[in-house]
Every structure is written in C-alpha cells, then in structure tokens.
Amino acid sequence: LSFRTTKGAYLIDHISVASELKKISHPTYYFELSPVIFDEVVANRAHLGLYLEFSNDIDQKRVDIYVNGHPRAIDTRDRVVRIGLDPFINEGNNVIEVRPRSTLDLVNLRVAID
C-alpha cells in the first residue's frame, strides 16, 4: 500500500484492507468410547490417558490440546506427555484437536486405558 504526491496535504481515512490469508486448519482426531468403558471410567475403576510422543526431549513444546472442547495447555521439554481424559470424555464419539503454539514434531498420539 503506497501513496505519492508532489504537492499539498491530504487526509486519507476509512481505509479497508482485505486479507487473503487462509484459516489455519488444526489436526483433529476422533475416538469412540464404548458404554462399558465409559461406565468403568465414571465409576473410577478405569482411567483414560492421552499420550503425546514428541521427537525429542530437547526442544520446548508449546501446544493446546482440546478434548471435546475443553482446553489443556502443554508447555514442556519432555518426550512423552500424559493428559488425564476422565473429566472430558463422552460416551460414544469424542474429539481431540491439536493447536500448536510453536513448531511441533508430534510422533504419536494415542488414547489408552490406564
């Protein structure tokens, strides 16, 4: 955006800029929870964990994980991180969204019964 003049004073206002940047798409993963396993977790006889495995334990990893819309922030140098899922799960379909806040090399993401 540039303006030029050789003489005079000008007032330029009400400028509108349209961006053509695309919306960022974050990786989204789905898992299904059977009624039996859901009942075990609700009864506190089993626990679900989300395990994130990164490529190394040197780089700082900053990422927001959304489990069924509930955010969990991760800021670590660890190679493997576990997030407890018990308070966030639904019977049936569940969704996990990964929103990196910095460059991230995620090697493996898994949900496991502990």
Protein backbone atom coordinates (compact mmCIF):
# COMPACT_ATOMS: atom_id res chain seq x y z
CA LEU A 1 0.00 0.00 0.00
CA SER A 2 1.61 3.28 -1.04
CA PHE A 3 0.58 6.88 -1.75
CA ARG A 4 2.51 9.63 -3.52
CA THR A 5 2.00 13.31 -4.00
CA THR A 6 4.11 16.16 -5.27
CA LYS A 7 2.15 18.97 -3.60
CA GLY A 8 -0.44 19.63 -0.95
CA ALA A 9 -1.75 17.98 2.20
CA TYR A 10 -4.14 15.07 2.13
CA LEU A 11 -6.20 13.20 4.68
CA ILE A 12 -6.82 9.54 3.90
CA ASP A 13 -9.28 7.76 6.17
CA HIS A 14 -11.76 4.89 6.13
CA ILE A 15 -9.19 2.56 4.60
CA SER A 16 -10.21 -1.06 4.35
CA VAL A 17 -7.73 -3.89 3.88
CA ALA A 18 -8.93 -7.32 2.82
CA SER A 19 -6.73 -10.27 3.72
CA GLU A 20 -6.49 -13.36 1.58
CA LEU A 21 -4.83 -15.44 4.29
CA LYS A 22 -6.33 -18.87 4.70
CA LYS A 23 -7.70 -20.07 8.01
CA ILE A 24 -5.32 -22.42 9.78
CA SER A 25 -6.57 -25.98 9.95
CA HIS A 26 -5.57 -27.80 13.13
CA PRO A 27 -5.19 -31.58 13.23
CA THR A 28 -8.31 -33.21 14.67
CA TYR A 29 -8.58 -36.81 15.85
CA TYR A 30 -11.60 -38.87 16.87
CA PHE A 31 -12.07 -41.85 19.13
CA GLU A 32 -15.13 -43.77 20.25
CA LEU A 33 -15.79 -44.84 23.82
CA SER A 34 -18.00 -47.86 24.37
CA PRO A 35 -20.68 -47.74 27.07
CA VAL A 36 -18.83 -50.40 29.10
CA ILE A 37 -15.53 -48.48 29.19
CA PHE A 38 -17.35 -45.18 29.80
CA ASP A 39 -19.14 -46.71 32.80
CA GLU A 40 -15.82 -48.04 34.17
CA VAL A 41 -14.26 -44.58 33.95
CA VAL A 42 -17.29 -42.88 35.53
CA ALA A 43 -17.20 -45.45 38.37
CA ASN A 44 -13.47 -44.66 38.83
CA ARG A 45 -12.46 -48.29 38.12
CA ALA A 46 -10.51 -47.28 35.00
CA HIS A 47 -8.84 -44.12 33.73
CA LEU A 48 -8.23 -42.78 30.24
CA GLY A 49 -5.00 -41.07 29.28
CA LEU A 50 -3.99 -39.16 26.18
CA TYR A 51 -0.32 -39.82 25.43
CA LEU A 52 1.59 -37.43 23.20
CA GLU A 53 5.01 -38.55 21.99
CA PHE A 54 7.38 -35.94 20.57
CA SER A 55 10.56 -36.42 18.55
CA ASN A 56 12.96 -35.37 21.32
CA ASP A 57 13.35 -34.17 24.89
CA ILE A 58 15.43 -31.12 23.97
CA ASP A 59 13.08 -28.67 22.24
CA GLN A 60 10.41 -26.75 24.13
CA LYS A 61 6.92 -27.90 23.09
CA ARG A 62 4.00 -25.48 23.44
CA VAL A 63 0.65 -26.82 22.36
CA ASP A 64 -3.00 -26.51 23.33
CA ILE A 65 -5.00 -29.73 23.31
CA TYR A 66 -8.79 -29.53 23.14
CA VAL A 67 -10.70 -32.62 24.28
CA ASN A 68 -14.38 -32.29 23.39
CA GLY A 69 -13.87 -28.52 23.50
CA HIS A 70 -12.08 -28.47 26.88
CA PRO A 71 -8.61 -26.86 26.61
CA ARG A 72 -5.43 -28.25 28.18
CA ALA A 73 -2.16 -26.35 27.75
CA ILE A 74 1.16 -28.16 27.43
CA ASP A 75 4.50 -26.40 27.86
CA THR A 76 7.26 -28.97 28.27
CA ARG A 77 10.58 -30.36 27.07
CA ASP A 78 9.52 -33.95 27.88
CA ARG A 79 9.49 -36.53 25.11
CA VAL A 80 6.22 -38.14 26.32
CA VAL A 81 3.35 -36.32 27.99
CA ARG A 82 0.19 -37.79 29.51
CA ILE A 83 -3.06 -35.88 29.92
CA GLY A 84 -5.85 -37.37 32.02
CA LEU A 85 -9.07 -37.51 30.00
CA ASP A 86 -11.57 -38.68 32.63
CA PRO A 87 -13.32 -35.30 33.23
CA PHE A 88 -13.64 -34.55 29.50
CA ILE A 89 -14.93 -37.75 27.90
CA ASN A 90 -18.32 -38.61 26.46
CA GLU A 91 -19.89 -41.98 25.85
CA GLY A 92 -19.64 -42.62 22.12
CA ASN A 93 -17.76 -40.16 19.91
CA ASN A 94 -15.01 -37.91 21.27
CA VAL A 95 -12.77 -35.38 19.54
CA ILE A 96 -9.20 -34.20 20.16
CA GLU A 97 -7.85 -31.08 18.47
CA VAL A 98 -4.15 -30.18 18.49
CA ARG A 99 -3.28 -26.46 18.28
CA PRO A 100 0.49 -25.91 18.31
CA ARG A 101 1.75 -22.57 19.67
CA SER A 102 5.25 -23.24 18.32
CA THR A 103 6.84 -25.60 15.82
CA LEU A 104 5.94 -29.10 16.88
CA ASP A 105 7.04 -32.57 15.83
CA LEU A 106 4.38 -34.92 17.20
CA VAL A 107 5.40 -38.52 16.54
CA ASN A 108 2.49 -40.36 18.15
CA LEU A 109 -0.84 -39.54 19.79
CA ARG A 110 -2.81 -42.31 21.48
CA VAL A 111 -5.65 -42.77 23.94
CA ALA A 112 -5.11 -45.61 26.41
CA ILE A 113 -6.95 -47.17 29.33
CA ASP A 114 -4.74 -46.97 32.43
